[in-house]
Amino acid sequence: MSQEKKTAHKQGLIRLAVCVGIKLVILLLMKMGTGPLPTIIKSTWPFFFGPIFFVLTLGMVWGLVELVSGRRVSELAARLGS
């Protein structure tokens, strides 16, 4: 396996792990029950945490594509564009 593929696999795995981890932390904080933090998360969901959750989902897809393909997303986009 070439060095570029190893790097893309590694970056994809890191990106996927970070996005999943952050999403799990947000969900766990929401399900925590009573307290100020779950209340803040639930009340600001439509305009703050909802979009963050969406961006994290896009990051997960991005990481999964890099992990599976072994190529950086920018390289894949350049190939599709030409």
PDB file of N, CA and C in Angstrom:
ATOM      1  N   MET A   1       0.853  -1.177   0.000  1.00  0.00           N
ATOM      2  CA  MET A   1       0.000   0.000   0.000  1.00  0.00           C
ATOM      3  C   MET A   1       0.900   1.242   0.000  1.00  0.00           C
ATOM      4  N   SER A   2       0.599   2.184  -0.856  1.00  0.00           N
ATOM      5  CA  SER A   2       1.429   3.374  -0.963  1.00  0.00           C
ATOM      6  C   SER A   2       1.250   4.281   0.260  1.00  0.00           C
ATOM      7  N   GLN A   3       2.193   5.181   0.397  1.00  0.00           N
ATOM      8  CA  GLN A   3       2.168   6.102   1.539  1.00  0.00           C
ATOM      9  C   GLN A   3       0.943   7.011   1.479  1.00  0.00           C
ATOM     10  N   GLU A   4       0.546   7.425   0.274  1.00  0.00           N
ATOM     11  CA  GLU A   4      -0.630   8.295   0.130  1.00  0.00           C
ATOM     12  C   GLU A   4      -1.900   7.580   0.584  1.00  0.00           C
ATOM     13  N   LYS A   5      -2.023   6.289   0.241  1.00  0.00           N
ATOM     14  CA  LYS A   5      -3.197   5.523   0.657  1.00  0.00           C
ATOM     15  C   LYS A   5      -3.221   5.351   2.166  1.00  0.00           C
ATOM     16  N   LYS A   6      -2.059   5.087   2.759  1.00  0.00           N
ATOM     17  CA  LYS A   6      -1.981   4.941   4.214  1.00  0.00           C
ATOM     18  C   LYS A   6      -2.388   6.238   4.897  1.00  0.00           C
ATOM     19  N   THR A   7      -1.917   7.351   4.366  1.00  0.00           N
ATOM     20  CA  THR A   7      -2.253   8.653   4.935  1.00  0.00           C
ATOM     21  C   THR A   7      -3.751   8.930   4.813  1.00  0.00           C
ATOM     22  N   ALA A   8      -4.327   8.615   3.655  1.00  0.00           N
ATOM     23  CA  ALA A   8      -5.764   8.844   3.456  1.00  0.00           C
ATOM     24  C   ALA A   8      -6.583   7.948   4.378  1.00  0.00           C
ATOM     25  N   HIS A   9      -6.173   6.689   4.535  1.00  0.00           N
ATOM     26  CA  HIS A   9      -6.867   5.785   5.456  1.00  0.00           C
ATOM     27  C   HIS A   9      -6.801   6.325   6.882  1.00  0.00           C
ATOM     28  N   LYS A  10      -5.625   6.760   7.270  1.00  0.00           N
ATOM     29  CA  LYS A  10      -5.423   7.267   8.631  1.00  0.00           C
ATOM     30  C   LYS A  10      -6.258   8.523   8.872  1.00  0.00           C
ATOM     31  N   GLN A  11      -6.232   9.450   7.940  1.00  0.00           N
ATOM     32  CA  GLN A  11      -7.009  10.684   8.083  1.00  0.00           C
ATOM     33  C   GLN A  11      -8.499  10.391   8.087  1.00  0.00           C
ATOM     34  N   GLY A  12      -8.941   9.469   7.246  1.00  0.00           N
ATOM     35  CA  GLY A  12     -10.354   9.105   7.217  1.00  0.00           C
ATOM     36  C   GLY A  12     -10.798   8.493   8.527  1.00  0.00           C
ATOM     37  N   LEU A  13      -9.967   7.614   9.080  1.00  0.00           N
ATOM     38  CA  LEU A  13     -10.291   6.975  10.348  1.00  0.00           C
ATOM     39  C   LEU A  13     -10.326   7.994  11.478  1.00  0.00           C
ATOM     40  N   ILE A  14      -9.377   8.899  11.509  1.00  0.00           N
ATOM     41  CA  ILE A  14      -9.355   9.940  12.542  1.00  0.00           C
ATOM     42  C   ILE A  14     -10.580  10.836  12.411  1.00  0.00           C
ATOM     43  N   ARG A  15     -10.904  11.266  11.195  1.00  0.00           N
ATOM     44  CA  ARG A  15     -12.056  12.145  10.984  1.00  0.00           C
ATOM     45  C   ARG A  15     -13.351  11.450  11.412  1.00  0.00           C
ATOM     46  N   LEU A  16     -13.489  10.191  11.042  1.00  0.00           N
ATOM     47  CA  LEU A  16     -14.675   9.424  11.407  1.00  0.00           C
ATOM     48  C   LEU A  16     -14.773   9.265  12.926  1.00  0.00           C
ATOM     49  N   ALA A  17     -13.677   8.924  13.576  1.00  0.00           N
ATOM     50  CA  ALA A  17     -13.688   8.723  15.028  1.00  0.00           C
ATOM     51  C   ALA A  17     -14.008  10.014  15.780  1.00  0.00           C
ATOM     52  N   VAL A  18     -13.437  11.122  15.346  1.00  0.00           N
ATOM     53  CA  VAL A  18     -13.695  12.397  16.021  1.00  0.00           C
ATOM     54  C   VAL A  18     -15.153  12.802  15.867  1.00  0.00           C
ATOM     55  N   CYS A  19     -15.696  12.694  14.677  1.00  0.00           N
ATOM     56  CA  CYS A  19     -17.094  13.081  14.443  1.00  0.00           C
ATOM     57  C   CYS A  19     -18.060  12.198  15.243  1.00  0.00           C
ATOM     58  N   VAL A  20     -17.811  10.898  15.235  1.00  0.00           N
ATOM     59  CA  VAL A  20     -18.678   9.992  16.000  1.00  0.00           C
ATOM     60  C   VAL A  20     -18.571  10.303  17.489  1.00  0.00           C
ATOM     61  N   GLY A  21     -17.352  10.532  17.961  1.00  0.00           N
ATOM     62  CA  GLY A  21     -17.156  10.844  19.375  1.00  0.00           C
ATOM     63  C   GLY A  21     -17.881  12.102  19.818  1.00  0.00           C
ATOM     64  N   ILE A  22     -17.782  13.145  19.033  1.00  0.00           N
ATOM     65  CA  ILE A  22     -18.453  14.403  19.390  1.00  0.00           C
ATOM     66  C   ILE A  22     -19.970  14.229  19.362  1.00  0.00           C
ATOM     67  N   LYS A  23     -20.471  13.509  18.356  1.00  0.00           N
ATOM     68  CA  LYS A  23     -21.918  13.270  18.294  1.00  0.00           C
ATOM     69  C   LYS A  23     -22.391  12.480  19.508  1.00  0.00           C
ATOM     70  N   LEU A  24     -21.636  11.476  19.913  1.00  0.00           N
ATOM     71  CA  LEU A  24     -22.013  10.691  21.089  1.00  0.00           C
ATOM     72  C   LEU A  24     -21.998  11.534  22.357  1.00  0.00           C
ATOM     73  N   VAL A  25     -21.021  12.405  22.496  1.00  0.00           N
ATOM     74  CA  VAL A  25     -20.967  13.275  23.668  1.00  0.00           C
ATOM     75  C   VAL A  25     -22.189  14.186  23.709  1.00  0.00           C
ATOM     76  N   ILE A  26     -22.553  14.769  22.578  1.00  0.00           N
ATOM     77  CA  ILE A  26     -23.737  15.638  22.537  1.00  0.00           C
ATOM     78  C   ILE A  26     -24.990  14.850  22.897  1.00  0.00           C
ATOM     79  N   LEU A  27     -25.133  13.644  22.322  1.00  0.00           N
ATOM     80  CA  LEU A  27     -26.309  12.831  22.622  1.00  0.00           C
ATOM     81  C   LEU A  27     -26.347  12.415  24.093  1.00  0.00           C
ATOM     82  N   LEU A  28     -25.208  12.037  24.649  1.00  0.00           N
ATOM     83  CA  LEU A  28     -25.174  11.656  26.056  1.00  0.00           C
ATOM     84  C   LEU A  28     -25.507  12.835  26.964  1.00  0.00           C
ATOM     85  N   LEU A  29     -25.013  14.015  26.614  1.00  0.00           N
ATOM     86  CA  LEU A  29     -25.339  15.197  27.409  1.00  0.00           C
ATOM     87  C   LEU A  29     -26.831  15.518  27.336  1.00  0.00           C
ATOM     88  N   MET A  30     -27.420  15.283  26.152  1.00  0.00           N
ATOM     89  CA  MET A  30     -28.859  15.529  26.013  1.00  0.00           C
ATOM     90  C   MET A  30     -29.670  14.546  26.833  1.00  0.00           C
ATOM     91  N   LYS A  31     -29.245  13.296  26.880  1.00  0.00           N
ATOM     92  CA  LYS A  31     -29.998  12.248  27.574  1.00  0.00           C
ATOM     93  C   LYS A  31     -29.685  12.198  29.070  1.00  0.00           C
ATOM     94  N   MET A  32     -28.837  13.096  29.530  1.00  0.00           N
ATOM     95  CA  MET A  32     -28.392  13.069  30.917  1.00  0.00           C
ATOM     96  C   MET A  32     -29.536  13.262  31.912  1.00  0.00           C
ATOM     97  N   GLY A  33     -30.593  13.859  31.464  1.00  0.00           N
ATOM     98  CA  GLY A  33     -31.730  14.065  32.364  1.00  0.00           C
ATOM     99  C   GLY A  33     -31.899  15.534  32.700  1.00  0.00           C
ATOM    100  N   THR A  34     -31.958  15.814  33.965  1.00  0.00           N
ATOM    101  CA  THR A  34     -32.162  17.190  34.396  1.00  0.00           C
ATOM    102  C   THR A  34     -30.823  17.884  34.560  1.00  0.00           C
ATOM    103  N   GLY A  35     -30.887  19.182  34.623  1.00  0.00           N
ATOM    104  CA  GLY A  35     -29.683  19.977  34.796  1.00  0.00           C
ATOM    105  C   GLY A  35     -29.610  21.056  33.731  1.00  0.00           C
ATOM    106  N   PRO A  36     -28.676  21.958  33.913  1.00  0.00           N
ATOM    107  CA  PRO A  36     -28.594  23.089  32.977  1.00  0.00           C
ATOM    108  C   PRO A  36     -28.092  22.704  31.580  1.00  0.00           C
ATOM    109  N   LEU A  37     -27.155  21.773  31.502  1.00  0.00           N
ATOM    110  CA  LEU A  37     -26.580  21.446  30.198  1.00  0.00           C
ATOM    111  C   LEU A  37     -27.572  20.793  29.245  1.00  0.00           C
ATOM    112  N   PRO A  38     -28.314  19.741  29.650  1.00  0.00           N
ATOM    113  CA  PRO A  38     -29.308  19.178  28.727  1.00  0.00           C
ATOM    114  C   PRO A  38     -30.380  20.181  28.333  1.00  0.00           C
ATOM    115  N   THR A  39     -30.751  21.054  29.262  1.00  0.00           N
ATOM    116  CA  THR A  39     -31.758  22.072  28.964  1.00  0.00           C
ATOM    117  C   THR A  39     -31.241  23.046  27.914  1.00  0.00           C
ATOM    118  N   ILE A  40     -29.995  23.449  28.057  1.00  0.00           N
ATOM    119  CA  ILE A  40     -29.395  24.380  27.087  1.00  0.00           C
ATOM    120  C   ILE A  40     -29.307  23.718  25.709  1.00  0.00           C
ATOM    121  N   ILE A  41     -28.868  22.469  25.676  1.00  0.00           N
ATOM    122  CA  ILE A  41     -28.739  21.769  24.390  1.00  0.00           C
ATOM    123  C   ILE A  41     -30.103  21.625  23.717  1.00  0.00           C
ATOM    124  N   LYS A  42     -31.106  21.227  24.482  1.00  0.00           N
ATOM    125  CA  LYS A  42     -32.441  21.030  23.905  1.00  0.00           C
ATOM    126  C   LYS A  42     -33.054  22.350  23.446  1.00  0.00           C
ATOM    127  N   SER A  43     -32.824  23.426  24.191  1.00  0.00           N
ATOM    128  CA  SER A  43     -33.444  24.708  23.823  1.00  0.00           C
ATOM    129  C   SER A  43     -32.742  25.370  22.640  1.00  0.00           C
ATOM    130  N   THR A  44     -31.458  25.077  22.443  1.00  0.00           N
ATOM    131  CA  THR A  44     -30.731  25.696  21.326  1.00  0.00           C
ATOM    132  C   THR A  44     -30.570  24.744  20.143  1.00  0.00           C
ATOM    133  N   TRP A  45     -31.245  23.598  20.176  1.00  0.00           N
ATOM    134  CA  TRP A  45     -31.082  22.594  19.120  1.00  0.00           C
ATOM    135  C   TRP A  45     -31.396  23.116  17.716  1.00  0.00           C
ATOM    136  N   PRO A  46     -32.538  23.807  17.515  1.00  0.00           N
ATOM    137  CA  PRO A  46     -32.889  24.180  16.129  1.00  0.00           C
ATOM    138  C   PRO A  46     -31.877  25.100  15.443  1.00  0.00           C
ATOM    139  N   PHE A  47     -31.240  25.984  16.187  1.00  0.00           N
ATOM    140  CA  PHE A  47     -30.378  26.959  15.524  1.00  0.00           C
ATOM    141  C   PHE A  47     -28.901  26.812  15.869  1.00  0.00           C
ATOM    142  N   PHE A  48     -28.533  25.918  16.773  1.00  0.00           N
ATOM    143  CA  PHE A  48     -27.122  25.768  17.115  1.00  0.00           C
ATOM    144  C   PHE A  48     -26.656  24.315  17.036  1.00  0.00           C
ATOM    145  N   PHE A  49     -27.198  23.456  17.861  1.00  0.00           N
ATOM    146  CA  PHE A  49     -26.717  22.081  17.902  1.00  0.00           C
ATOM    147  C   PHE A  49     -27.224  21.243  16.722  1.00  0.00           C
ATOM    148  N   GLY A  50     -28.367  21.560  16.181  1.00  0.00           N
ATOM    149  CA  GLY A  50     -28.857  20.848  15.003  1.00  0.00           C
ATOM    150  C   GLY A  50     -27.919  20.985  13.816  1.00  0.00           C
ATOM    151  N   PRO A  51     -27.552  22.234  13.452  1.00  0.00           N
ATOM    152  CA  PRO A  51     -26.581  22.396  12.355  1.00  0.00           C
ATOM    153  C   PRO A  51     -25.218  21.767  12.659  1.00  0.00           C
ATOM    154  N   ILE A  52     -24.774  21.836  13.923  1.00  0.00           N
ATOM    155  CA  ILE A  52     -23.513  21.195  14.287  1.00  0.00           C
ATOM    156  C   ILE A  52     -23.613  19.693  14.061  1.00  0.00           C
ATOM    157  N   PHE A  53     -24.741  19.120  14.443  1.00  0.00           N
ATOM    158  CA  PHE A  53     -24.966  17.686  14.253  1.00  0.00           C
ATOM    159  C   PHE A  53     -24.927  17.330  12.768  1.00  0.00           C
ATOM    160  N   PHE A  54     -25.523  18.176  11.931  1.00  0.00           N
ATOM    161  CA  PHE A  54     -25.524  17.952  10.491  1.00  0.00           C
ATOM    162  C   PHE A  54     -24.106  18.000   9.923  1.00  0.00           C
ATOM    163  N   VAL A  55     -23.317  18.976  10.349  1.00  0.00           N
ATOM    164  CA  VAL A  55     -21.940  19.094   9.873  1.00  0.00           C
ATOM    165  C   VAL A  55     -21.110  17.889  10.324  1.00  0.00           C
ATOM    166  N   LEU A  56     -21.360  17.424  11.546  1.00  0.00           N
ATOM    167  CA  LEU A  56     -20.655  16.234  12.018  1.00  0.00           C
ATOM    168  C   LEU A  56     -21.030  15.003  11.192  1.00  0.00           C
ATOM    169  N   THR A  57     -22.278  14.924  10.756  1.00  0.00           N
ATOM    170  CA  THR A  57     -22.699  13.821   9.891  1.00  0.00           C
ATOM    171  C   THR A  57     -21.968  13.893   8.545  1.00  0.00           C
ATOM    172  N   LEU A  58     -21.839  15.098   7.997  1.00  0.00           N
ATOM    173  CA  LEU A  58     -21.074  15.262   6.756  1.00  0.00           C
ATOM    174  C   LEU A  58     -19.613  14.865   6.959  1.00  0.00           C
ATOM    175  N   GLY A  59     -19.050  15.213   8.106  1.00  0.00           N
ATOM    176  CA  GLY A  59     -17.680  14.813   8.419  1.00  0.00           C
ATOM    177  C   GLY A  59     -17.527  13.311   8.512  1.00  0.00           C
ATOM    178  N   MET A  60     -18.560  12.643   9.050  1.00  0.00           N
ATOM    179  CA  MET A  60     -18.524  11.180   9.120  1.00  0.00           C
ATOM    180  C   MET A  60     -18.523  10.571   7.723  1.00  0.00           C
ATOM    181  N   VAL A  61     -19.343  11.107   6.841  1.00  0.00           N
ATOM    182  CA  VAL A  61     -19.400  10.604   5.460  1.00  0.00           C
ATOM    183  C   VAL A  61     -18.060  10.847   4.765  1.00  0.00           C
ATOM    184  N   TRP A  62     -17.504  12.029   4.972  1.00  0.00           N
ATOM    185  CA  TRP A  62     -16.214  12.380   4.391  1.00  0.00           C
ATOM    186  C   TRP A  62     -15.142  11.399   4.871  1.00  0.00           C
ATOM    187  N   GLY A  63     -15.089  11.141   6.167  1.00  0.00           N
ATOM    188  CA  GLY A  63     -14.112  10.213   6.719  1.00  0.00           C
ATOM    189  C   GLY A  63     -14.309   8.803   6.206  1.00  0.00           C
ATOM    190  N   LEU A  64     -15.553   8.391   6.072  1.00  0.00           N
ATOM    191  CA  LEU A  64     -15.851   7.053   5.568  1.00  0.00           C
ATOM    192  C   LEU A  64     -15.411   6.898   4.115  1.00  0.00           C
ATOM    193  N   VAL A  65     -15.626   7.933   3.309  1.00  0.00           N
ATOM    194  CA  VAL A  65     -15.198   7.892   1.902  1.00  0.00           C
ATOM    195  C   VAL A  65     -13.683   7.768   1.817  1.00  0.00           C
ATOM    196  N   GLU A  66     -12.959   8.551   2.634  1.00  0.00           N
ATOM    197  CA  GLU A  66     -11.498   8.473   2.617  1.00  0.00           C
ATOM    198  C   GLU A  66     -11.008   7.120   3.117  1.00  0.00           C
ATOM    199  N   LEU A  67     -11.679   6.604   4.125  1.00  0.00           N
ATOM    200  CA  LEU A  67     -11.283   5.322   4.694  1.00  0.00           C
ATOM    201  C   LEU A  67     -11.474   4.186   3.692  1.00  0.00           C
ATOM    202  N   VAL A  68     -12.604   4.176   3.008  1.00  0.00           N
ATOM    203  CA  VAL A  68     -12.917   3.097   2.079  1.00  0.00           C
ATOM    204  C   VAL A  68     -12.120   3.221   0.778  1.00  0.00           C
ATOM    205  N   SER A  69     -12.046   4.425   0.239  1.00  0.00           N
ATOM    206  CA  SER A  69     -11.412   4.586  -1.073  1.00  0.00           C
ATOM    207  C   SER A  69      -9.888   4.628  -0.997  1.00  0.00           C
ATOM    208  N   GLY A  70      -9.355   5.070   0.129  1.00  0.00           N
ATOM    209  CA  GLY A  70      -7.904   5.214   0.225  1.00  0.00           C
ATOM    210  C   GLY A  70      -7.378   6.432  -0.490  1.00  0.00           C
ATOM    211  N   ARG A  71      -8.271   7.320  -0.848  1.00  0.00           N
ATOM    212  CA  ARG A  71      -7.875   8.569  -1.511  1.00  0.00           C
ATOM    213  C   ARG A  71      -8.492   9.744  -0.774  1.00  0.00           C
ATOM    214  N   ARG A  72      -7.828  10.859  -0.852  1.00  0.00           N
ATOM    215  CA  ARG A  72      -8.366  12.073  -0.240  1.00  0.00           C
ATOM    216  C   ARG A  72      -9.587  12.519  -1.023  1.00  0.00           C
ATOM    217  N   VAL A  73     -10.508  13.140  -0.343  1.00  0.00           N
ATOM    218  CA  VAL A  73     -11.742  13.589  -0.996  1.00  0.00           C
ATOM    219  C   VAL A  73     -11.426  14.633  -2.059  1.00  0.00           C
ATOM    220  N   SER A  74     -10.429  15.480  -1.813  1.00  0.00           N
ATOM    221  CA  SER A  74     -10.062  16.489  -2.807  1.00  0.00           C
ATOM    222  C   SER A  74      -9.559  15.826  -4.101  1.00  0.00           C
ATOM    223  N   GLU A  75      -8.840  14.709  -3.974  1.00  0.00           N
ATOM    224  CA  GLU A  75      -8.383  13.989  -5.174  1.00  0.00           C
ATOM    225  C   GLU A  75      -9.575  13.380  -5.915  1.00  0.00           C
ATOM    226  N   LEU A  76     -10.512  12.825  -5.165  1.00  0.00           N
ATOM    227  CA  LEU A  76     -11.703  12.238  -5.801  1.00  0.00           C
ATOM    228  C   LEU A  76     -12.511  13.313  -6.521  1.00  0.00           C
ATOM    229  N   ALA A  77     -12.642  14.473  -5.888  1.00  0.00           N
ATOM    230  CA  ALA A  77     -13.399  15.567  -6.509  1.00  0.00           C
ATOM    231  C   ALA A  77     -12.695  16.053  -7.781  1.00  0.00           C
ATOM    232  N   ALA A  78     -11.376  16.112  -7.757  1.00  0.00           N
ATOM    233  CA  ALA A  78     -10.631  16.546  -8.937  1.00  0.00           C
ATOM    234  C   ALA A  78     -10.804  15.547 -10.084  1.00  0.00           C
ATOM    235  N   ARG A  79     -10.838  14.257  -9.742  1.00  0.00           N
ATOM    236  CA  ARG A  79     -11.038  13.237 -10.774  1.00  0.00           C
ATOM    237  C   ARG A  79     -12.434  13.317 -11.368  1.00  0.00           C
ATOM    238  N   LEU A  80     -13.428  13.596 -10.516  1.00  0.00           N
ATOM    239  CA  LEU A  80     -14.796  13.705 -11.011  1.00  0.00           C
ATOM    240  C   LEU A  80     -14.982  14.951 -11.858  1.00  0.00           C
ATOM    241  N   GLY A  81     -14.267  16.014 -11.524  1.00  0.00           N
ATOM    242  CA  GLY A  81     -14.393  17.282 -12.247  1.00  0.00           C
ATOM    243  C   GLY A  81     -13.751  17.257 -13.606  1.00  0.00           C
ATOM    244  N   SER A  82     -12.764  16.408 -13.785  1.00  0.00           N
ATOM    245  CA  SER A  82     -12.060  16.422 -15.092  1.00  0.00           C
ATOM    246  C   SER A  82     -12.591  15.378 -16.031  1.00  0.00           C
TER     247      SER A  82
END
